[in-house]
Amino acid sequence: IGREGSHQWPPRSPDLTPLDFFLWGYVKDKVMFELPTTKENMKQRIRDTCASVTPKMLTNVRTTLMFRANKCLQARGGHFEHLI
């Protein structure tokens, strides 16, 4: 998949973007669990939450990304949400 590969990469598939399928939801859930009291408090919570991502979590994200990429190939680059 990609510029040099035999399959074109989808222009911007949120199903294949770890920031979309993992990080933004994780950060939102952690930061907004209890509403921030100030803008600075929110910024600090975002920093703390990003710093709390563990190597194990990143390993799981990598595994999920590979699974999603394979489903994308299975669907020949078409919609594959129903396969995940």
PDB file of N, CA and C in Angstrom:
ATOM      1  N   ILE A   1       0.857  -1.167   0.000  1.00  0.00           N
ATOM      2  CA  ILE A   1       0.000   0.000   0.000  1.00  0.00           C
ATOM      3  C   ILE A   1       0.903   1.229   0.000  1.00  0.00           C
ATOM      4  N   GLY A   2       0.583   2.201  -0.811  1.00  0.00           N
ATOM      5  CA  GLY A   2       1.326   3.454  -0.778  1.00  0.00           C
ATOM      6  C   GLY A   2       1.802   3.876  -2.143  1.00  0.00           C
ATOM      7  N   ARG A   3       2.616   4.911  -2.171  1.00  0.00           N
ATOM      8  CA  ARG A   3       3.077   5.491  -3.438  1.00  0.00           C
ATOM      9  C   ARG A   3       3.789   4.480  -4.325  1.00  0.00           C
ATOM     10  N   GLU A   4       4.643   3.676  -3.737  1.00  0.00           N
ATOM     11  CA  GLU A   4       5.428   2.720  -4.512  1.00  0.00           C
ATOM     12  C   GLU A   4       4.802   1.330  -4.547  1.00  0.00           C
ATOM     13  N   GLY A   5       3.734   1.138  -3.806  1.00  0.00           N
ATOM     14  CA  GLY A   5       3.121  -0.179  -3.705  1.00  0.00           C
ATOM     15  C   GLY A   5       2.150  -0.472  -4.830  1.00  0.00           C
ATOM     16  N   SER A   6       1.666  -1.696  -4.846  1.00  0.00           N
ATOM     17  CA  SER A   6       0.731  -2.114  -5.891  1.00  0.00           C
ATOM     18  C   SER A   6      -0.686  -1.614  -5.631  1.00  0.00           C
ATOM     19  N   HIS A   7      -0.965  -1.166  -4.416  1.00  0.00           N
ATOM     20  CA  HIS A   7      -2.281  -0.618  -4.065  1.00  0.00           C
ATOM     21  C   HIS A   7      -2.115   0.834  -3.649  1.00  0.00           C
ATOM     22  N   GLN A   8      -3.000   1.698  -4.132  1.00  0.00           N
ATOM     23  CA  GLN A   8      -2.946   3.091  -3.707  1.00  0.00           C
ATOM     24  C   GLN A   8      -3.458   3.210  -2.280  1.00  0.00           C
ATOM     25  N   TRP A   9      -2.819   4.080  -1.519  1.00  0.00           N
ATOM     26  CA  TRP A   9      -3.253   4.349  -0.147  1.00  0.00           C
ATOM     27  C   TRP A   9      -4.468   5.259  -0.205  1.00  0.00           C
ATOM     28  N   PRO A  10      -5.500   4.975   0.576  1.00  0.00           N
ATOM     29  CA  PRO A  10      -6.652   5.884   0.593  1.00  0.00           C
ATOM     30  C   PRO A  10      -6.191   7.288   0.980  1.00  0.00           C
ATOM     31  N   PRO A  11      -6.749   8.342   0.370  1.00  0.00           N
ATOM     32  CA  PRO A  11      -6.278   9.698   0.612  1.00  0.00           C
ATOM     33  C   PRO A  11      -6.225  10.074   2.094  1.00  0.00           C
ATOM     34  N   ARG A  12      -7.236   9.756   2.835  1.00  0.00           N
ATOM     35  CA  ARG A  12      -7.224  10.025   4.274  1.00  0.00           C
ATOM     36  C   ARG A  12      -8.335   9.227   4.915  1.00  0.00           C
ATOM     37  N   SER A  13      -8.025   8.012   5.230  1.00  0.00           N
ATOM     38  CA  SER A  13      -9.013   7.135   5.826  1.00  0.00           C
ATOM     39  C   SER A  13      -8.858   7.149   7.341  1.00  0.00           C
ATOM     40  N   PRO A  14      -9.866   7.649   8.092  1.00  0.00           N
ATOM     41  CA  PRO A  14      -9.750   7.643   9.548  1.00  0.00           C
ATOM     42  C   PRO A  14      -9.627   6.235  10.119  1.00  0.00           C
ATOM     43  N   ASP A  15     -10.059   5.242   9.352  1.00  0.00           N
ATOM     44  CA  ASP A  15      -9.950   3.864   9.817  1.00  0.00           C
ATOM     45  C   ASP A  15      -8.508   3.371   9.789  1.00  0.00           C
ATOM     46  N   LEU A  16      -7.636   4.102   9.078  1.00  0.00           N
ATOM     47  CA  LEU A  16      -6.231   3.713   8.986  1.00  0.00           C
ATOM     48  C   LEU A  16      -5.313   4.732   9.654  1.00  0.00           C
ATOM     49  N   THR A  17      -5.858   5.674  10.374  1.00  0.00           N
ATOM     50  CA  THR A  17      -5.074   6.726  11.004  1.00  0.00           C
ATOM     51  C   THR A  17      -5.107   6.546  12.523  1.00  0.00           C
ATOM     52  N   PRO A  18      -3.978   6.111  13.118  1.00  0.00           N
ATOM     53  CA  PRO A  18      -3.972   5.872  14.565  1.00  0.00           C
ATOM     54  C   PRO A  18      -4.421   7.072  15.402  1.00  0.00           C
ATOM     55  N   LEU A  19      -4.133   8.280  14.932  1.00  0.00           N
ATOM     56  CA  LEU A  19      -4.596   9.443  15.693  1.00  0.00           C
ATOM     57  C   LEU A  19      -6.113   9.473  15.755  1.00  0.00           C
ATOM     58  N   ASP A  20      -6.765   9.048  14.670  1.00  0.00           N
ATOM     59  CA  ASP A  20      -8.227   9.046  14.636  1.00  0.00           C
ATOM     60  C   ASP A  20      -8.818   7.847  15.365  1.00  0.00           C
ATOM     61  N   PHE A  21      -8.299   6.651  15.112  1.00  0.00           N
ATOM     62  CA  PHE A  21      -8.950   5.481  15.705  1.00  0.00           C
ATOM     63  C   PHE A  21      -8.472   5.188  17.122  1.00  0.00           C
ATOM     64  N   PHE A  22      -7.447   5.885  17.589  1.00  0.00           N
ATOM     65  CA  PHE A  22      -7.006   5.656  18.968  1.00  0.00           C
ATOM     66  C   PHE A  22      -6.818   6.946  19.767  1.00  0.00           C
ATOM     67  N   LEU A  23      -5.849   7.759  19.378  1.00  0.00           N
ATOM     68  CA  LEU A  23      -5.379   8.812  20.278  1.00  0.00           C
ATOM     69  C   LEU A  23      -6.428   9.862  20.618  1.00  0.00           C
ATOM     70  N   TRP A  24      -7.134  10.406  19.627  1.00  0.00           N
ATOM     71  CA  TRP A  24      -8.074  11.497  19.933  1.00  0.00           C
ATOM     72  C   TRP A  24      -9.177  11.031  20.877  1.00  0.00           C
ATOM     73  N   GLY A  25      -9.695   9.852  20.668  1.00  0.00           N
ATOM     74  CA  GLY A  25     -10.729   9.328  21.564  1.00  0.00           C
ATOM     75  C   GLY A  25     -10.194   9.071  22.964  1.00  0.00           C
ATOM     76  N   TYR A  26      -8.987   8.538  23.042  1.00  0.00           N
ATOM     77  CA  TYR A  26      -8.355   8.277  24.339  1.00  0.00           C
ATOM     78  C   TYR A  26      -8.158   9.577  25.112  1.00  0.00           C
ATOM     79  N   VAL A  27      -7.602  10.583  24.424  1.00  0.00           N
ATOM     80  CA  VAL A  27      -7.364  11.872  25.076  1.00  0.00           C
ATOM     81  C   VAL A  27      -8.680  12.501  25.516  1.00  0.00           C
ATOM     82  N   LYS A  28      -9.665  12.492  24.643  1.00  0.00           N
ATOM     83  CA  LYS A  28     -10.956  13.099  24.987  1.00  0.00           C
ATOM     84  C   LYS A  28     -11.566  12.419  26.212  1.00  0.00           C
ATOM     85  N   ASP A  29     -11.559  11.090  26.223  1.00  0.00           N
ATOM     86  CA  ASP A  29     -12.136  10.360  27.361  1.00  0.00           C
ATOM     87  C   ASP A  29     -11.434  10.704  28.674  1.00  0.00           C
ATOM     88  N   LYS A  30     -10.106  10.770  28.641  1.00  0.00           N
ATOM     89  CA  LYS A  30      -9.342  11.042  29.864  1.00  0.00           C
ATOM     90  C   LYS A  30      -9.482  12.499  30.305  1.00  0.00           C
ATOM     91  N   VAL A  31      -9.369  13.419  29.351  1.00  0.00           N
ATOM     92  CA  VAL A  31      -9.388  14.845  29.686  1.00  0.00           C
ATOM     93  C   VAL A  31     -10.773  15.288  30.135  1.00  0.00           C
ATOM     94  N   MET A  32     -11.806  14.778  29.483  1.00  0.00           N
ATOM     95  CA  MET A  32     -13.159  15.248  29.761  1.00  0.00           C
ATOM     96  C   MET A  32     -13.898  14.393  30.791  1.00  0.00           C
ATOM     97  N   PHE A  33     -13.212  13.401  31.375  1.00  0.00           N
ATOM     98  CA  PHE A  33     -13.845  12.573  32.408  1.00  0.00           C
ATOM     99  C   PHE A  33     -14.415  13.467  33.507  1.00  0.00           C
ATOM    100  N   GLU A  34     -13.624  14.442  33.884  1.00  0.00           N
ATOM    101  CA  GLU A  34     -14.069  15.484  34.814  1.00  0.00           C
ATOM    102  C   GLU A  34     -13.732  16.801  34.118  1.00  0.00           C
ATOM    103  N   LEU A  35     -14.701  17.664  33.931  1.00  0.00           N
ATOM    104  CA  LEU A  35     -14.493  18.875  33.141  1.00  0.00           C
ATOM    105  C   LEU A  35     -13.337  19.719  33.681  1.00  0.00           C
ATOM    106  N   PRO A  36     -12.430  20.130  32.776  1.00  0.00           N
ATOM    107  CA  PRO A  36     -11.336  21.007  33.192  1.00  0.00           C
ATOM    108  C   PRO A  36     -11.893  22.336  33.720  1.00  0.00           C
ATOM    109  N   THR A  37     -11.178  22.920  34.661  1.00  0.00           N
ATOM    110  CA  THR A  37     -11.655  24.159  35.278  1.00  0.00           C
ATOM    111  C   THR A  37     -11.131  25.408  34.585  1.00  0.00           C
ATOM    112  N   THR A  38      -9.981  25.294  33.927  1.00  0.00           N
ATOM    113  CA  THR A  38      -9.391  26.432  33.215  1.00  0.00           C
ATOM    114  C   THR A  38      -8.772  25.937  31.915  1.00  0.00           C
ATOM    115  N   LYS A  39      -8.439  26.879  31.058  1.00  0.00           N
ATOM    116  CA  LYS A  39      -7.769  26.535  29.802  1.00  0.00           C
ATOM    117  C   LYS A  39      -6.413  25.879  30.097  1.00  0.00           C
ATOM    118  N   GLU A  40      -5.689  26.424  31.061  1.00  0.00           N
ATOM    119  CA  GLU A  40      -4.387  25.856  31.420  1.00  0.00           C
ATOM    120  C   GLU A  40      -4.537  24.450  32.000  1.00  0.00           C
ATOM    121  N   ASN A  41      -5.581  24.236  32.794  1.00  0.00           N
ATOM    122  CA  ASN A  41      -5.862  22.915  33.348  1.00  0.00           C
ATOM    123  C   ASN A  41      -6.124  21.917  32.222  1.00  0.00           C
ATOM    124  N   MET A  42      -6.860  22.346  31.210  1.00  0.00           N
ATOM    125  CA  MET A  42      -7.138  21.469  30.073  1.00  0.00           C
ATOM    126  C   MET A  42      -5.848  21.140  29.329  1.00  0.00           C
ATOM    127  N   LYS A  43      -5.017  22.137  29.088  1.00  0.00           N
ATOM    128  CA  LYS A  43      -3.742  21.902  28.398  1.00  0.00           C
ATOM    129  C   LYS A  43      -2.883  20.905  29.182  1.00  0.00           C
ATOM    130  N   GLN A  44      -2.827  21.084  30.493  1.00  0.00           N
ATOM    131  CA  GLN A  44      -2.015  20.184  31.319  1.00  0.00           C
ATOM    132  C   GLN A  44      -2.565  18.766  31.285  1.00  0.00           C
ATOM    133  N   ARG A  45      -3.871  18.630  31.326  1.00  0.00           N
ATOM    134  CA  ARG A  45      -4.482  17.296  31.246  1.00  0.00           C
ATOM    135  C   ARG A  45      -4.158  16.624  29.917  1.00  0.00           C
ATOM    136  N   ILE A  46      -4.177  17.407  28.838  1.00  0.00           N
ATOM    137  CA  ILE A  46      -3.839  16.850  27.523  1.00  0.00           C
ATOM    138  C   ILE A  46      -2.392  16.372  27.533  1.00  0.00           C
ATOM    139  N   ARG A  47      -1.485  17.188  28.045  1.00  0.00           N
ATOM    140  CA  ARG A  47      -0.070  16.783  28.123  1.00  0.00           C
ATOM    141  C   ARG A  47       0.094  15.521  28.971  1.00  0.00           C
ATOM    142  N   ASP A  48      -0.549  15.508  30.132  1.00  0.00           N
ATOM    143  CA  ASP A  48      -0.443  14.348  31.026  1.00  0.00           C
ATOM    144  C   ASP A  48      -1.007  13.090  30.379  1.00  0.00           C
ATOM    145  N   THR A  49      -2.124  13.241  29.694  1.00  0.00           N
ATOM    146  CA  THR A  49      -2.750  12.089  29.045  1.00  0.00           C
ATOM    147  C   THR A  49      -1.864  11.547  27.934  1.00  0.00           C
ATOM    148  N   CYS A  50      -1.302  12.434  27.118  1.00  0.00           N
ATOM    149  CA  CYS A  50      -0.405  11.975  26.050  1.00  0.00           C
ATOM    150  C   CYS A  50       0.822  11.283  26.638  1.00  0.00           C
ATOM    151  N   ALA A  51       1.321  11.807  27.750  1.00  0.00           N
ATOM    152  CA  ALA A  51       2.484  11.200  28.406  1.00  0.00           C
ATOM    153  C   ALA A  51       2.146   9.852  29.038  1.00  0.00           C
ATOM    154  N   SER A  52       0.865   9.597  29.267  1.00  0.00           N
ATOM    155  CA  SER A  52       0.468   8.337  29.911  1.00  0.00           C
ATOM    156  C   SER A  52       0.338   7.172  28.931  1.00  0.00           C
ATOM    157  N   VAL A  53       0.499   7.439  27.642  1.00  0.00           N
ATOM    158  CA  VAL A  53       0.428   6.365  26.650  1.00  0.00           C
ATOM    159  C   VAL A  53       1.638   5.453  26.859  1.00  0.00           C
ATOM    160  N   THR A  54       1.366   4.175  27.041  1.00  0.00           N
ATOM    161  CA  THR A  54       2.424   3.215  27.366  1.00  0.00           C
ATOM    162  C   THR A  54       2.908   2.473  26.115  1.00  0.00           C
ATOM    163  N   PRO A  55       4.093   1.877  26.180  1.00  0.00           N
ATOM    164  CA  PRO A  55       4.558   1.051  25.069  1.00  0.00           C
ATOM    165  C   PRO A  55       3.568  -0.072  24.731  1.00  0.00           C
ATOM    166  N   LYS A  56       2.944  -0.660  25.738  1.00  0.00           N
ATOM    167  CA  LYS A  56       1.951  -1.723  25.502  1.00  0.00           C
ATOM    168  C   LYS A  56       0.776  -1.180  24.690  1.00  0.00           C
ATOM    169  N   MET A  57       0.330   0.025  25.014  1.00  0.00           N
ATOM    170  CA  MET A  57      -0.767   0.630  24.261  1.00  0.00           C
ATOM    171  C   MET A  57      -0.355   0.833  22.804  1.00  0.00           C
ATOM    172  N   LEU A  58       0.871   1.291  22.583  1.00  0.00           N
ATOM    173  CA  LEU A  58       1.348   1.514  21.216  1.00  0.00           C
ATOM    174  C   LEU A  58       1.478   0.200  20.453  1.00  0.00           C
ATOM    175  N   THR A  59       1.859  -0.864  21.153  1.00  0.00           N
ATOM    176  CA  THR A  59       1.905  -2.184  20.522  1.00  0.00           C
ATOM    177  C   THR A  59       0.507  -2.597  20.077  1.00  0.00           C
ATOM    178  N   ASN A  60      -0.482  -2.356  20.923  1.00  0.00           N
ATOM    179  CA  ASN A  60      -1.870  -2.670  20.560  1.00  0.00           C
ATOM    180  C   ASN A  60      -2.344  -1.828  19.380  1.00  0.00           C
ATOM    181  N   VAL A  61      -1.945  -0.560  19.342  1.00  0.00           N
ATOM    182  CA  VAL A  61      -2.310   0.309  18.214  1.00  0.00           C
ATOM    183  C   VAL A  61      -1.694  -0.232  16.928  1.00  0.00           C
ATOM    184  N   ARG A  62      -0.436  -0.657  16.995  1.00  0.00           N
ATOM    185  CA  ARG A  62       0.233  -1.216  15.808  1.00  0.00           C
ATOM    186  C   ARG A  62      -0.500  -2.467  15.319  1.00  0.00           C
ATOM    187  N   THR A  63      -0.855  -3.344  16.242  1.00  0.00           N
ATOM    188  CA  THR A  63      -1.590  -4.562  15.884  1.00  0.00           C
ATOM    189  C   THR A  63      -2.924  -4.210  15.232  1.00  0.00           C
ATOM    190  N   THR A  64      -3.618  -3.254  15.807  1.00  0.00           N
ATOM    191  CA  THR A  64      -4.908  -2.824  15.258  1.00  0.00           C
ATOM    192  C   THR A  64      -4.731  -2.202  13.881  1.00  0.00           C
ATOM    193  N   LEU A  65      -3.679  -1.404  13.706  1.00  0.00           N
ATOM    194  CA  LEU A  65      -3.421  -0.788  12.404  1.00  0.00           C
ATOM    195  C   LEU A  65      -3.184  -1.853  11.341  1.00  0.00           C
ATOM    196  N   MET A  66      -2.407  -2.867  11.664  1.00  0.00           N
ATOM    197  CA  MET A  66      -2.148  -3.943  10.698  1.00  0.00           C
ATOM    198  C   MET A  66      -3.443  -4.676  10.358  1.00  0.00           C
ATOM    199  N   PHE A  67      -4.278  -4.937  11.352  1.00  0.00           N
ATOM    200  CA  PHE A  67      -5.569  -5.581  11.128  1.00  0.00           C
ATOM    201  C   PHE A  67      -6.420  -4.730  10.190  1.00  0.00           C
ATOM    202  N   ARG A  68      -6.483  -3.431  10.458  1.00  0.00           N
ATOM    203  CA  ARG A  68      -7.291  -2.523   9.638  1.00  0.00           C
ATOM    204  C   ARG A  68      -6.746  -2.429   8.212  1.00  0.00           C
ATOM    205  N   ALA A  69      -5.421  -2.390   8.081  1.00  0.00           N
ATOM    206  CA  ALA A  69      -4.820  -2.329   6.746  1.00  0.00           C
ATOM    207  C   ALA A  69      -5.156  -3.586   5.948  1.00  0.00           C
ATOM    208  N   ASN A  70      -5.123  -4.733   6.598  1.00  0.00           N
ATOM    209  CA  ASN A  70      -5.486  -5.977   5.916  1.00  0.00           C
ATOM    210  C   ASN A  70      -6.947  -5.981   5.492  1.00  0.00           C
ATOM    211  N   LYS A  71      -7.831  -5.436   6.326  1.00  0.00           N
ATOM    212  CA  LYS A  71      -9.253  -5.348   5.961  1.00  0.00           C
ATOM    213  C   LYS A  71      -9.447  -4.393   4.790  1.00  0.00           C
ATOM    214  N   CYS A  72      -8.661  -3.319   4.760  1.00  0.00           N
ATOM    215  CA  CYS A  72      -8.714  -2.382   3.638  1.00  0.00           C
ATOM    216  C   CYS A  72      -8.304  -3.085   2.344  1.00  0.00           C
ATOM    217  N   LEU A  73      -7.242  -3.880   2.414  1.00  0.00           N
ATOM    218  CA  LEU A  73      -6.808  -4.644   1.242  1.00  0.00           C
ATOM    219  C   LEU A  73      -7.868  -5.659   0.827  1.00  0.00           C
ATOM    220  N   GLN A  74      -8.461  -6.318   1.819  1.00  0.00           N
ATOM    221  CA  GLN A  74      -9.514  -7.298   1.548  1.00  0.00           C
ATOM    222  C   GLN A  74     -10.681  -6.637   0.804  1.00  0.00           C
ATOM    223  N   ALA A  75     -10.973  -5.389   1.149  1.00  0.00           N
ATOM    224  CA  ALA A  75     -12.069  -4.656   0.506  1.00  0.00           C
ATOM    225  C   ALA A  75     -11.591  -3.932  -0.756  1.00  0.00           C
ATOM    226  N   ARG A  76     -10.352  -4.197  -1.168  1.00  0.00           N
ATOM    227  CA  ARG A  76      -9.749  -3.585  -2.353  1.00  0.00           C
ATOM    228  C   ARG A  76      -9.793  -2.061  -2.297  1.00  0.00           C
ATOM    229  N   GLY A  77      -9.546  -1.540  -1.100  1.00  0.00           N
ATOM    230  CA  GLY A  77      -9.493  -0.099  -0.913  1.00  0.00           C
ATOM    231  C   GLY A  77     -10.842   0.562  -0.724  1.00  0.00           C
ATOM    232  N   GLY A  78     -11.900  -0.222  -0.800  1.00  0.00           N
ATOM    233  CA  GLY A  78     -13.242   0.333  -0.617  1.00  0.00           C
ATOM    234  C   GLY A  78     -13.605   0.419   0.854  1.00  0.00           C
ATOM    235  N   HIS A  79     -14.869   0.637   1.111  1.00  0.00           N
ATOM    236  CA  HIS A  79     -15.342   0.716   2.496  1.00  0.00           C
ATOM    237  C   HIS A  79     -15.100  -0.622   3.199  1.00  0.00           C
ATOM    238  N   PHE A  80     -14.552  -0.549   4.390  1.00  0.00           N
ATOM    239  CA  PHE A  80     -14.275  -1.780   5.123  1.00  0.00           C
ATOM    240  C   PHE A  80     -14.680  -1.696   6.585  1.00  0.00           C
ATOM    241  N   GLU A  81     -15.387  -0.626   6.963  1.00  0.00           N
ATOM    242  CA  GLU A  81     -15.808  -0.473   8.356  1.00  0.00           C
ATOM    243  C   GLU A  81     -16.614  -1.673   8.836  1.00  0.00           C
ATOM    244  N   HIS A  82     -17.412  -2.236   7.938  1.00  0.00           N
ATOM    245  CA  HIS A  82     -18.254  -3.382   8.307  1.00  0.00           C
ATOM    246  C   HIS A  82     -17.425  -4.646   8.568  1.00  0.00           C
ATOM    247  N   LEU A  83     -16.153  -4.623   8.203  1.00  0.00           N
ATOM    248  CA  LEU A  83     -15.286  -5.785   8.389  1.00  0.00           C
ATOM    249  C   LEU A  83     -14.482  -5.715   9.690  1.00  0.00           C
ATOM    250  N   ILE A  84     -14.510  -4.558  10.349  1.00  0.00           N
ATOM    251  CA  ILE A  84     -13.696  -4.412  11.572  1.00  0.00           C
ATOM    252  C   ILE A  84     -14.556  -4.436  12.816  1.00  0.00           C
TER     253      ILE A  84
END
